[in-house]
C-alpha atoms as a PDB file:
ATOM      1  CA  UNK A   1      -9.064  12.502  24.606  1.00  0.00           C
ATOM      2  CA  UNK A   2      -6.681  13.601  21.845  1.00  0.00           C
ATOM      3  CA  UNK A   3      -9.171  14.801  19.227  1.00  0.00           C
ATOM      4  CA  UNK A   4      -9.973  17.717  16.984  1.00  0.00           C
ATOM      5  CA  UNK A   5     -13.529  19.063  16.954  1.00  0.00           C
ATOM      6  CA  UNK A   6     -15.469  19.430  13.742  1.00  0.00           C
ATOM      7  CA  UNK A   7     -17.100  22.647  12.522  1.00  0.00           C
ATOM      8  CA  UNK A   8     -20.198  22.157  14.659  1.00  0.00           C
ATOM      9  CA  UNK A   9     -18.155  21.916  17.825  1.00  0.00           C
ATOM     10  CA  UNK A  10     -19.237  18.303  18.329  1.00  0.00           C
ATOM     11  CA  UNK A  11     -16.791  15.499  18.885  1.00  0.00           C
ATOM     12  CA  UNK A  12     -18.479  12.107  18.987  1.00  0.00           C
ATOM     13  CA  UNK A  13     -19.195   8.935  17.077  1.00  0.00           C
ATOM     14  CA  UNK A  14     -22.457   8.793  15.133  1.00  0.00           C
ATOM     15  CA  UNK A  15     -23.801   5.711  16.809  1.00  0.00           C
ATOM     16  CA  UNK A  16     -26.182   4.545  14.081  1.00  0.00           C
ATOM     17  CA  UNK A  17     -23.868   4.901  11.090  1.00  0.00           C
ATOM     18  CA  UNK A  18     -21.318   2.494   9.664  1.00  0.00           C
ATOM     19  CA  UNK A  19     -18.103   3.822  11.218  1.00  0.00           C
ATOM     20  CA  UNK A  20     -14.697   3.522   9.558  1.00  0.00           C
ATOM     21  CA  UNK A  21     -11.507   4.464  11.393  1.00  0.00           C
ATOM     22  CA  UNK A  22      -8.482   5.086   9.182  1.00  0.00           C
ATOM     23  CA  UNK A  23      -5.183   4.914  11.046  1.00  0.00           C
ATOM     24  CA  UNK A  24      -2.589   6.994   9.205  1.00  0.00           C
ATOM     25  CA  UNK A  25      -3.631   9.823   6.863  1.00  0.00           C
ATOM     26  CA  UNK A  26      -0.639   9.936   4.542  1.00  0.00           C
ATOM     27  CA  UNK A  27      -0.832   9.484   0.777  1.00  0.00           C
ATOM     28  CA  UNK A  28      -2.683   6.148   0.888  1.00  0.00           C
ATOM     29  CA  UNK A  29      -4.694   6.707   4.076  1.00  0.00           C
ATOM     30  CA  UNK A  30      -5.685  10.233   3.066  1.00  0.00           C
ATOM     31  CA  UNK A  31      -6.643   9.115  -0.440  1.00  0.00           C
ATOM     32  CA  UNK A  32      -8.576   6.185   1.016  1.00  0.00           C
ATOM     33  CA  UNK A  33     -10.546   8.526   3.269  1.00  0.00           C
ATOM     34  CA  UNK A  34     -11.361  10.793   0.327  1.00  0.00           C
ATOM     35  CA  UNK A  35     -12.376   7.878  -1.895  1.00  0.00           C
ATOM     36  CA  UNK A  36     -14.534   6.257   0.810  1.00  0.00           C
ATOM     37  CA  UNK A  37     -16.681   9.348   1.361  1.00  0.00           C
ATOM     38  CA  UNK A  38     -20.317   8.132   1.480  1.00  0.00           C
ATOM     39  CA  UNK A  39     -19.332   4.446   1.258  1.00  0.00           C
ATOM     40  CA  UNK A  40     -22.293   2.781   2.977  1.00  0.00           C
ATOM     41  CA  UNK A  41     -23.077   6.265   4.344  1.00  0.00           C
ATOM     42  CA  UNK A  42     -20.006   5.819   6.517  1.00  0.00           C
ATOM     43  CA  UNK A  43     -18.903   8.069   9.339  1.00  0.00           C
ATOM     44  CA  UNK A  44     -15.156   8.531   8.798  1.00  0.00           C
ATOM     45  CA  UNK A  45     -12.683   8.926  11.630  1.00  0.00           C
ATOM     46  CA  UNK A  46      -9.025   9.676  10.959  1.00  0.00           C
ATOM     47  CA  UNK A  47      -5.930   9.188  13.090  1.00  0.00           C
ATOM     48  CA  UNK A  48      -2.572  10.816  12.502  1.00  0.00           C
ATOM     49  CA  UNK A  49       0.255  11.987  14.729  1.00  0.00           C
ATOM     50  CA  UNK A  50       0.935  15.048  12.556  1.00  0.00           C
ATOM     51  CA  UNK A  51      -1.114  18.025  13.824  1.00  0.00           C
ATOM     52  CA  UNK A  52      -1.044  19.767  10.434  1.00  0.00           C
ATOM     53  CA  UNK A  53      -2.369  16.630   8.740  1.00  0.00           C
ATOM     54  CA  UNK A  54      -5.174  16.389  11.298  1.00  0.00           C
ATOM     55  CA  UNK A  55      -6.046  20.034  10.719  1.00  0.00           C
ATOM     56  CA  UNK A  56      -6.109  19.645   6.927  1.00  0.00           C
ATOM     57  CA  UNK A  57      -8.098  16.406   7.019  1.00  0.00           C
ATOM     58  CA  UNK A  58     -10.812  18.018   9.127  1.00  0.00           C
ATOM     59  CA  UNK A  59     -10.812  21.358   7.318  1.00  0.00           C
ATOM     60  CA  UNK A  60     -11.234  19.696   3.907  1.00  0.00           C
ATOM     61  CA  UNK A  61     -14.042  17.453   5.117  1.00  0.00           C
ATOM     62  CA  UNK A  62     -11.986  14.368   4.369  1.00  0.00           C
ATOM     63  CA  UNK A  63     -12.964  12.919   7.754  1.00  0.00           C
ATOM     64  CA  UNK A  64     -15.771  13.620  10.201  1.00  0.00           C
ATOM     65  CA  UNK A  65     -13.518  13.374  13.255  1.00  0.00           C
ATOM     66  CA  UNK A  66      -9.772  13.203  13.725  1.00  0.00           C
ATOM     67  CA  UNK A  67      -7.535  12.005  16.566  1.00  0.00           C
ATOM     68  CA  UNK A  68      -3.858  11.984  17.413  1.00  0.00           C
ATOM     69  CA  UNK A  69      -3.894   8.393  18.677  1.00  0.00           C
ATOM     70  CA  UNK A  70      -6.000   5.374  17.826  1.00  0.00           C
ATOM     71  CA  UNK A  71      -7.274   4.757  21.361  1.00  0.00           C
ATOM     72  CA  UNK A  72     -10.256   7.110  21.115  1.00  0.00           C
ATOM     73  CA  UNK A  73     -10.867   6.517  17.412  1.00  0.00           C
ATOM     74  CA  UNK A  74     -11.614   2.794  17.404  1.00  0.00           C
ATOM     75  CA  UNK A  75     -14.032   2.320  20.292  1.00  0.00           C
ATOM     76  CA  UNK A  76     -17.150   1.919  18.150  1.00  0.00           C
ATOM     77  CA  UNK A  77     -15.540   1.321  14.751  1.00  0.00           C
ATOM     78  CA  UNK A  78     -17.168  -1.163  12.394  1.00  0.00           C
ATOM     79  CA  UNK A  79     -14.035  -1.171  10.243  1.00  0.00           C
ATOM     80  CA  UNK A  80     -10.436  -0.185  10.941  1.00  0.00           C
ATOM     81  CA  UNK A  81      -8.079   0.449   8.015  1.00  0.00           C
ATOM     82  CA  UNK A  82      -4.400   0.434   8.981  1.00  0.00           C
ATOM     83  CA  UNK A  83      -2.407   2.693   6.639  1.00  0.00           C
ATOM     84  CA  UNK A  84       0.823   2.711   8.625  1.00  0.00           C
ATOM     85  CA  UNK A  85       4.257   1.078   8.576  1.00  0.00           C
ATOM     86  CA  UNK A  86       4.406  -2.714   9.154  1.00  0.00           C
ATOM     87  CA  UNK A  87       5.796  -2.427  12.690  1.00  0.00           C
ATOM     88  CA  UNK A  88       2.950  -0.070  13.636  1.00  0.00           C
ATOM     89  CA  UNK A  89       0.426  -2.646  12.415  1.00  0.00           C
ATOM     90  CA  UNK A  90       1.955  -5.259  14.698  1.00  0.00           C
ATOM     91  CA  UNK A  91       1.976  -2.793  17.603  1.00  0.00           C
ATOM     92  CA  UNK A  92      -1.713  -2.109  16.979  1.00  0.00           C
ATOM     93  CA  UNK A  93      -2.478  -5.824  17.091  1.00  0.00           C
ATOM     94  CA  UNK A  94      -0.564  -6.265  20.319  1.00  0.00           C
ATOM     95  CA  UNK A  95      -1.920  -3.238  22.148  1.00  0.00           C
ATOM     96  CA  UNK A  96      -5.295  -2.182  20.789  1.00  0.00           C
ATOM     97  CA  UNK A  97      -7.063  -4.889  18.832  1.00  0.00           C
ATOM     98  CA  UNK A  98      -8.549  -6.441  21.971  1.00  0.00           C
ATOM     99  CA  UNK A  99     -10.502  -3.230  22.583  1.00  0.00           C
ATOM    100  CA  UNK A 100     -12.388  -3.404  19.275  1.00  0.00           C
ATOM    101  CA  UNK A 101     -16.078  -4.200  19.388  1.00  0.00           C
ATOM    102  CA  UNK A 102     -17.445  -7.601  18.367  1.00  0.00           C
ATOM    103  CA  UNK A 103     -17.529  -8.109  14.617  1.00  0.00           C
ATOM    104  CA  UNK A 104     -15.210  -5.221  13.777  1.00  0.00           C
ATOM    105  CA  UNK A 105     -13.380  -5.736  10.486  1.00  0.00           C
ATOM    106  CA  UNK A 106      -9.687  -4.872  10.483  1.00  0.00           C
ATOM    107  CA  UNK A 107      -7.648  -4.495   7.323  1.00  0.00           C
ATOM    108  CA  UNK A 108      -4.212  -3.221   6.357  1.00  0.00           C
ATOM    109  CA  UNK A 109      -2.814  -1.783   3.121  1.00  0.00           C
ATOM    110  CA  UNK A 110       0.725  -3.099   3.629  1.00  0.00           C
ATOM    111  CA  UNK A 111       2.610  -4.232   0.528  1.00  0.00           C
ATOM    112  CA  UNK A 112       4.071  -7.307   2.275  1.00  0.00           C
ATOM    113  CA  UNK A 113       1.750  -9.850   3.844  1.00  0.00           C
ATOM    114  CA  UNK A 114       3.166 -13.247   4.852  1.00  0.00           C
ATOM    115  CA  UNK A 115       5.703 -12.186   7.491  1.00  0.00           C
ATOM    116  CA  UNK A 116       3.300  -9.524   8.719  1.00  0.00           C
ATOM    117  CA  UNK A 117       0.534 -12.084   9.194  1.00  0.00           C
ATOM    118  CA  UNK A 118       2.867 -14.506  10.951  1.00  0.00           C
ATOM    119  CA  UNK A 119       3.553 -11.776  13.501  1.00  0.00           C
ATOM    120  CA  UNK A 120      -0.104 -10.689  13.711  1.00  0.00           C
ATOM    121  CA  UNK A 121      -1.978 -13.955  14.048  1.00  0.00           C
ATOM    122  CA  UNK A 122      -0.991 -14.728  17.669  1.00  0.00           C
ATOM    123  CA  UNK A 123      -2.544 -11.405  18.721  1.00  0.00           C
ATOM    124  CA  UNK A 124      -5.786 -11.539  16.736  1.00  0.00           C
ATOM    125  CA  UNK A 125      -8.821 -11.798  19.036  1.00  0.00           C
ATOM    126  CA  UNK A 126     -11.625 -14.111  17.990  1.00  0.00           C
ATOM    127  CA  UNK A 127     -14.260 -11.402  18.120  1.00  0.00           C
ATOM    128  CA  UNK A 128     -12.868  -9.445  15.142  1.00  0.00           C
ATOM    129  CA  UNK A 129     -12.473 -10.190  11.431  1.00  0.00           C
ATOM    130  CA  UNK A 130      -9.126  -9.615   9.729  1.00  0.00           C
ATOM    131  CA  UNK A 131      -8.472  -9.379   5.997  1.00  0.00           C
ATOM    132  CA  UNK A 132      -5.621  -7.658   4.200  1.00  0.00           C
ATOM    133  CA  UNK A 133      -5.866  -5.427   1.148  1.00  0.00           C
ATOM    134  CA  UNK A 134      -3.237  -3.905  -1.127  1.00  0.00           C
ATOM    135  CA  UNK A 135      -4.325  -1.026  -3.363  1.00  0.00           C
ATOM    136  CA  UNK A 136      -1.986  -1.032  -6.363  1.00  0.00           C
ATOM    137  CA  UNK A 137      -1.649   2.723  -6.531  1.00  0.00           C
ATOM    138  CA  UNK A 138       0.727   5.368  -5.290  1.00  0.00           C
ATOM    139  CA  UNK A 139       3.035   8.221  -6.150  1.00  0.00           C
ATOM    140  CA  UNK A 140       6.726   8.912  -5.807  1.00  0.00           C
ATOM    141  CA  UNK A 141       5.766  11.578  -3.249  1.00  0.00           C
ATOM    142  CA  UNK A 142       3.859  10.977  -0.034  1.00  0.00           C
ATOM    143  CA  UNK A 143       1.934  12.835   2.653  1.00  0.00           C
ATOM    144  CA  UNK A 144      -1.657  13.974   3.042  1.00  0.00           C
ATOM    145  CA  UNK A 145      -0.993  17.046   0.898  1.00  0.00           C
ATOM    146  CA  UNK A 146      -0.495  14.702  -2.070  1.00  0.00           C
ATOM    147  CA  UNK A 147      -3.556  12.540  -1.387  1.00  0.00           C
ATOM    148  CA  UNK A 148      -6.365  12.538  -3.929  1.00  0.00           C
ATOM    149  CA  UNK A 149      -9.765  10.922  -4.267  1.00  0.00           C
ATOM    150  CA  UNK A 150      -9.018   9.531  -7.734  1.00  0.00           C
ATOM    151  CA  UNK A 151      -5.763   7.800  -6.747  1.00  0.00           C
ATOM    152  CA  UNK A 152      -7.300   4.315  -6.993  1.00  0.00           C
ATOM    153  CA  UNK A 153      -9.361   4.827 -10.159  1.00  0.00           C
ATOM    154  CA  UNK A 154      -8.649   2.188 -12.840  1.00  0.00           C
ATOM    155  CA  UNK A 155      -6.019   0.489 -10.676  1.00  0.00           C
ATOM    156  CA  UNK A 156      -5.483  -2.969  -9.245  1.00  0.00           C
ATOM    157  CA  UNK A 157      -6.761  -3.984  -5.823  1.00  0.00           C
ATOM    158  CA  UNK A 158      -5.490  -7.119  -4.080  1.00  0.00           C
ATOM    159  CA  UNK A 159      -7.283  -8.913  -1.245  1.00  0.00           C
ATOM    160  CA  UNK A 160      -5.367 -11.334   0.998  1.00  0.00           C
ATOM    161  CA  UNK A 161      -7.720 -13.077   3.430  1.00  0.00           C
ATOM    162  CA  UNK A 162      -6.539 -15.294   6.254  1.00  0.00           C
ATOM    163  CA  UNK A 163      -7.741 -18.885   6.405  1.00  0.00           C
ATOM    164  CA  UNK A 164     -10.162 -17.766   9.126  1.00  0.00           C
ATOM    165  CA  UNK A 165     -11.576 -14.815   7.145  1.00  0.00           C
ATOM    166  CA  UNK A 166     -15.263 -15.208   6.318  1.00  0.00           C
ATOM    167  CA  UNK A 167     -16.396 -15.120   2.698  1.00  0.00           C
ATOM    168  CA  UNK A 168     -18.688 -12.158   3.390  1.00  0.00           C
ATOM    169  CA  UNK A 169     -15.720 -10.181   4.751  1.00  0.00           C
ATOM    170  CA  UNK A 170     -13.752 -10.813   1.575  1.00  0.00           C
ATOM    171  CA  UNK A 171     -16.840  -9.793  -0.411  1.00  0.00           C
ATOM    172  CA  UNK A 172     -17.015  -6.532   1.556  1.00  0.00           C
ATOM    173  CA  UNK A 173     -13.404  -5.771   0.586  1.00  0.00           C
ATOM    174  CA  UNK A 174     -14.301  -6.428  -3.051  1.00  0.00           C
ATOM    175  CA  UNK A 175     -17.176  -3.961  -2.674  1.00  0.00           C
ATOM    176  CA  UNK A 176     -14.815  -1.434  -1.096  1.00  0.00           C
ATOM    177  CA  UNK A 177     -12.246  -1.841  -3.871  1.00  0.00           C
ATOM    178  CA  UNK A 178     -14.876  -1.286  -6.536  1.00  0.00           C
ATOM    179  CA  UNK A 179     -16.241   1.759  -4.698  1.00  0.00           C
ATOM    180  CA  UNK A 180     -12.880   3.549  -4.597  1.00  0.00           C
ATOM    181  CA  UNK A 181     -12.473   2.998  -8.344  1.00  0.00           C
ATOM    182  CA  UNK A 182     -10.317  -0.122  -8.719  1.00  0.00           C
ATOM    183  CA  UNK A 183     -11.113  -2.098 -11.873  1.00  0.00           C
ATOM    184  CA  UNK A 184      -8.711  -5.039 -11.531  1.00  0.00           C
ATOM    185  CA  UNK A 185      -9.495  -6.924  -8.319  1.00  0.00           C
ATOM    186  CA  UNK A 186      -7.780 -10.183  -7.337  1.00  0.00           C
ATOM    187  CA  UNK A 187      -7.869 -12.437  -4.284  1.00  0.00           C
ATOM    188  CA  UNK A 188      -4.652 -14.241  -3.332  1.00  0.00           C
ATOM    189  CA  UNK A 189      -3.120 -16.004  -0.373  1.00  0.00           C
ATOM    190  CA  UNK A 190      -0.308 -14.074   1.372  1.00  0.00           C
ATOM    191  CA  UNK A 191       2.480 -16.230  -0.094  1.00  0.00           C
ATOM    192  CA  UNK A 192       1.338 -15.774  -3.696  1.00  0.00           C
ATOM    193  CA  UNK A 193       0.773 -12.066  -3.103  1.00  0.00           C
ATOM    194  CA  UNK A 194       4.324 -11.587  -1.802  1.00  0.00           C
ATOM    195  CA  UNK A 195       5.874 -13.604  -4.618  1.00  0.00           C
ATOM    196  CA  UNK A 196       4.184 -11.595  -7.373  1.00  0.00           C
ATOM    197  CA  UNK A 197       4.658  -8.230  -5.633  1.00  0.00           C
ATOM    198  CA  UNK A 198       8.311  -9.139  -5.138  1.00  0.00           C
ATOM    199  CA  UNK A 199       8.601  -8.876  -8.920  1.00  0.00           C
ATOM    200  CA  UNK A 200       6.022  -6.276  -9.991  1.00  0.00           C
ATOM    201  CA  UNK A 201       6.700  -3.727  -7.236  1.00  0.00           C
ATOM    202  CA  UNK A 202       9.664  -4.447  -4.975  1.00  0.00           C
ATOM    203  CA  UNK A 203      12.096  -5.365  -7.755  1.00  0.00           C
ATOM    204  CA  UNK A 204      11.028  -2.281  -9.706  1.00  0.00           C
ATOM    205  CA  UNK A 205      11.862  -0.052  -6.728  1.00  0.00           C
ATOM    206  CA  UNK A 206      15.192  -1.827  -6.260  1.00  0.00           C
ATOM    207  CA  UNK A 207      15.987  -1.341  -9.938  1.00  0.00           C
ATOM    208  CA  UNK A 208      15.031   2.353  -9.922  1.00  0.00           C
ATOM    209  CA  UNK A 209      16.987   3.158  -6.778  1.00  0.00           C
ATOM    210  CA  UNK A 210      20.027   1.205  -8.002  1.00  0.00           C
ATOM    211  CA  UNK A 211      20.048   3.299 -11.173  1.00  0.00           C
ATOM    212  CA  UNK A 212      20.206   6.450  -9.048  1.00  0.00           C
ATOM    213  CA  UNK A 213      22.910   5.396  -6.595  1.00  0.00           C
ATOM    214  CA  UNK A 214      25.471   6.739  -9.054  1.00  0.00           C
ATOM    215  CA  UNK A 215      24.955   9.260 -11.835  1.00  0.00           C
ATOM    216  CA  UNK A 216      27.036  10.810 -14.574  1.00  0.00           C
ATOM    217  CA  UNK A 217      28.608  13.962 -13.096  1.00  0.00           C
ATOM    218  CA  UNK A 218      28.008  16.007 -16.251  1.00  0.00           C
ATOM    219  CA  UNK A 219      24.411  15.026 -16.948  1.00  0.00           C
ATOM    220  CA  UNK A 220      21.603  17.601 -17.060  1.00  0.00           C
ATOM    221  CA  UNK A 221      17.906  17.339 -17.909  1.00  0.00           C
ATOM    222  CA  UNK A 222      18.810  18.042 -21.546  1.00  0.00           C
ATOM    223  CA  UNK A 223      20.211  14.513 -21.695  1.00  0.00           C
ATOM    224  CA  UNK A 224      17.099  12.797 -20.311  1.00  0.00           C
ATOM    225  CA  UNK A 225      13.920  11.635 -21.991  1.00  0.00           C
ATOM    226  CA  UNK A 226      11.065   9.240 -21.331  1.00  0.00           C
ATOM    227  CA  UNK A 227      13.251   6.198 -20.697  1.00  0.00           C
ATOM    228  CA  UNK A 228      15.136   7.939 -17.881  1.00  0.00           C
ATOM    229  CA  UNK A 229      11.953   9.341 -16.317  1.00  0.00           C
ATOM    230  CA  UNK A 230      10.104   6.017 -16.496  1.00  0.00           C
ATOM    231  CA  UNK A 231      12.974   3.924 -15.177  1.00  0.00           C
ATOM    232  CA  UNK A 232      13.854   6.207 -12.260  1.00  0.00           C
ATOM    233  CA  UNK A 233      10.509   7.757 -11.249  1.00  0.00           C
ATOM    234  CA  UNK A 234      10.054   5.762  -8.034  1.00  0.00           C
ATOM    235  CA  UNK A 235      13.637   6.299  -6.889  1.00  0.00           C
ATOM    236  CA  UNK A 236      12.392   9.442  -5.105  1.00  0.00           C
ATOM    237  CA  UNK A 237      11.551   7.061  -2.309  1.00  0.00           C
ATOM    238  CA  UNK A 238      10.628   7.059   1.380  1.00  0.00           C
ATOM    239  CA  UNK A 239      13.670   5.183   2.769  1.00  0.00           C
ATOM    240  CA  UNK A 240      12.088   4.536   6.174  1.00  0.00           C
ATOM    241  CA  UNK A 241       9.017   2.829   4.725  1.00  0.00           C
ATOM    242  CA  UNK A 242      10.804   0.949   1.970  1.00  0.00           C
ATOM    243  CA  UNK A 243      13.506  -0.388   4.276  1.00  0.00           C
ATOM    244  CA  UNK A 244      10.719  -2.053   6.255  1.00  0.00           C
ATOM    245  CA  UNK A 245       8.848  -3.269   3.183  1.00  0.00           C
ATOM    246  CA  UNK A 246      11.884  -4.762   1.443  1.00  0.00           C
ATOM    247  CA  UNK A 247      13.060  -6.561   4.565  1.00  0.00           C
ATOM    248  CA  UNK A 248       9.554  -7.764   5.406  1.00  0.00           C
ATOM    249  CA  UNK A 249       9.187  -9.253   1.929  1.00  0.00           C
ATOM    250  CA  UNK A 250      12.738 -10.553   1.538  1.00  0.00           C
ATOM    251  CA  UNK A 251      11.372 -14.059   0.931  1.00  0.00           C
ATOM    252  CA  UNK A 252       9.312 -12.789  -1.994  1.00  0.00           C
ATOM    253  CA  UNK A 253      12.023 -10.549  -3.432  1.00  0.00           C
ATOM    254  CA  UNK A 254      15.219 -12.585  -3.400  1.00  0.00           C
ATOM    255  CA  UNK A 255      14.339 -15.191  -6.079  1.00  0.00           C
ATOM    256  CA  UNK A 256      13.409 -12.403  -8.514  1.00  0.00           C
ATOM    257  CA  UNK A 257      16.399 -10.269  -7.543  1.00  0.00           C
ATOM    258  CA  UNK A 258      18.811 -13.185  -8.102  1.00  0.00           C
ATOM    259  CA  UNK A 259      17.270 -13.841 -11.514  1.00  0.00           C
ATOM    260  CA  UNK A 260      17.510 -10.142 -12.385  1.00  0.00           C
ATOM    261  CA  UNK A 261      21.200 -10.046 -11.448  1.00  0.00           C
ATOM    262  CA  UNK A 262      21.819 -13.137 -13.603  1.00  0.00           C
ATOM    263  CA  UNK A 263      20.078 -11.483 -16.559  1.00  0.00           C
ATOM    264  CA  UNK A 264      22.141  -8.321 -16.108  1.00  0.00           C
ATOM    265  CA  UNK A 265      25.279 -10.444 -16.150  1.00  0.00           C
ATOM    266  CA  UNK A 266      24.148 -12.010 -19.434  1.00  0.00           C
ATOM    267  CA  UNK A 267      23.607  -8.560 -20.922  1.00  0.00           C
ATOM    268  CA  UNK A 268      26.997  -7.423 -19.651  1.00  0.00           C
ATOM    269  CA  UNK A 269      28.769 -10.448 -21.087  1.00  0.00           C
ATOM    270  CA  UNK A 270      27.115 -10.063 -24.501  1.00  0.00           C
ATOM    271  CA  UNK A 271      28.125  -6.391 -24.672  1.00  0.00           C
ATOM    272  CA  UNK A 272      31.664  -6.997 -23.387  1.00  0.00           C
ATOM    273  CA  UNK A 273      32.300  -9.755 -25.927  1.00  0.00           C
ATOM    274  CA  UNK A 274      30.509  -8.038 -28.772  1.00  0.00           C
ATOM    275  CA  UNK A 275      28.196 -11.034 -29.157  1.00  0.00           C
ATOM    276  CA  UNK A 276      25.466  -9.533 -31.329  1.00  0.00           C
ATOM    277  CA  UNK A 277      23.518 -12.792 -31.609  1.00  0.00           C
ATOM    278  CA  UNK A 278      23.347 -13.303 -27.842  1.00  0.00           C
ATOM    279  CA  UNK A 279      22.421  -9.660 -27.248  1.00  0.00           C
ATOM    280  CA  UNK A 280      19.726  -9.801 -29.936  1.00  0.00           C
ATOM    281  CA  UNK A 281      18.234 -12.948 -28.374  1.00  0.00           C
ATOM    282  CA  UNK A 282      18.075 -11.301 -24.937  1.00  0.00           C
ATOM    283  CA  UNK A 283      16.421  -8.152 -26.294  1.00  0.00           C
ATOM    284  CA  UNK A 284      13.968 -10.172 -28.401  1.00  0.00           C
ATOM    285  CA  UNK A 285      13.003 -12.293 -25.395  1.00  0.00           C
ATOM    286  CA  UNK A 286      12.360  -9.184 -23.289  1.00  0.00           C
ATOM    287  CA  UNK A 287      10.242  -7.634 -26.049  1.00  0.00           C
ATOM    288  CA  UNK A 288       8.216 -10.852 -26.465  1.00  0.00           C
ATOM    289  CA  UNK A 289       7.596 -11.117 -22.722  1.00  0.00           C
ATOM    290  CA  UNK A 290       6.549  -7.454 -22.445  1.00  0.00           C
ATOM    291  CA  UNK A 291       3.994  -7.901 -25.235  1.00  0.00           C
ATOM    292  CA  UNK A 292       2.579 -10.909 -23.392  1.00  0.00           C
ATOM    293  CA  UNK A 293       2.435  -8.991 -20.107  1.00  0.00           C
ATOM    294  CA  UNK A 294       0.273  -6.334 -21.763  1.00  0.00           C
ATOM    295  CA  UNK A 295      -2.368  -8.951 -22.593  1.00  0.00           C
ATOM    296  CA  UNK A 296      -2.760 -10.307 -19.048  1.00  0.00           C
END
């Protein structure tokens, strides 16, 4: 058993308490564990391969037990929250989901759903409930050391049930989202989720990273202000994770990316030709659309 003992020296599930196992205690998983403290009087079990993360999670009281691998952490879990890379979620479905107890609810926080679900569904056992979630929160830095309880306060929270997901399971995810502090909760099918996220998240990361692929050799911080900080903040990115996410959601990204490239070409042409009227129309349209976005 790959586990870390708590302060009392005990190392066991509390059999009569609602048990939540969180797989992956990075920024999102660690913050989720902190935010879910006392949710339904839950007994929280964490899993992470990093020994320092396990040590910190236990020492700070973020979890009640912690393990290196999921095998020992999911035996009696009532809920499993997968806060790991997409390929790890699929591996979990293939290798460990059959061992979950009857009625266990499994969820993931992955930012791309449709392709993930297509890979998952053949491995989902009938005795468990699966529903995806996507907390719309994060930072440009990751790791448990950057996790915080308030990460999800006043944020969006998306729920993406499967066709087989029961209404009460979706309702439980709504309860969970409210408990961790989310104030804008929406339910969507995986295809709609991926299409919208392709614009609101993935395209924004593509834009930010593209802006930082080349920089002016003589620039210093004296030349930067809010526009530079806002437009490039998320370019300090985890390339391993985002390579997976962008490829997993290629179907949701490409229509928006193609449109974005077309719009950039229009801006370029207006500037190259000195067409003030065309440039003014483009800027006015963007301003109008942004004002409308703020009302939604």
